[in-house]
Amino acid sequence: MKLCDRCPGSLSCSLNYLGQACKKRRQQSCPEVVPNNAEILTNMDLDALANALLNLTYLSNPLNAESIHWHTTQDVLDWLTEENEGTL
């Protein structure tokens, strides 16, 4: 269920999805409606997504760093922008 579907003001809303005005309106009118991780990830630009994935990789595997294939944001950006050969 998309964030807008959970927001009571969505029928008359013309705000940018997950933008600053959307956030401010939700804080004022329905503070219990917060975006989930999928909504935040899909709304990120490529650089922010690469940083988030890199941070998640290290947070989920702090003691086994040698098995991590991404060591820099550029490594993640390269992976994000390469053509998918049906491996996902």
Foldseek 3Di string as FASTA:
>chain_A
DFLLVVDPPNVVDDDDVVDPVVVVVCVVPPVVRDGDPVSVLVPDDLLVNLVVVVVVVCVVCVPPVVVDPDDDSVSSSVVVPDDDPPPD
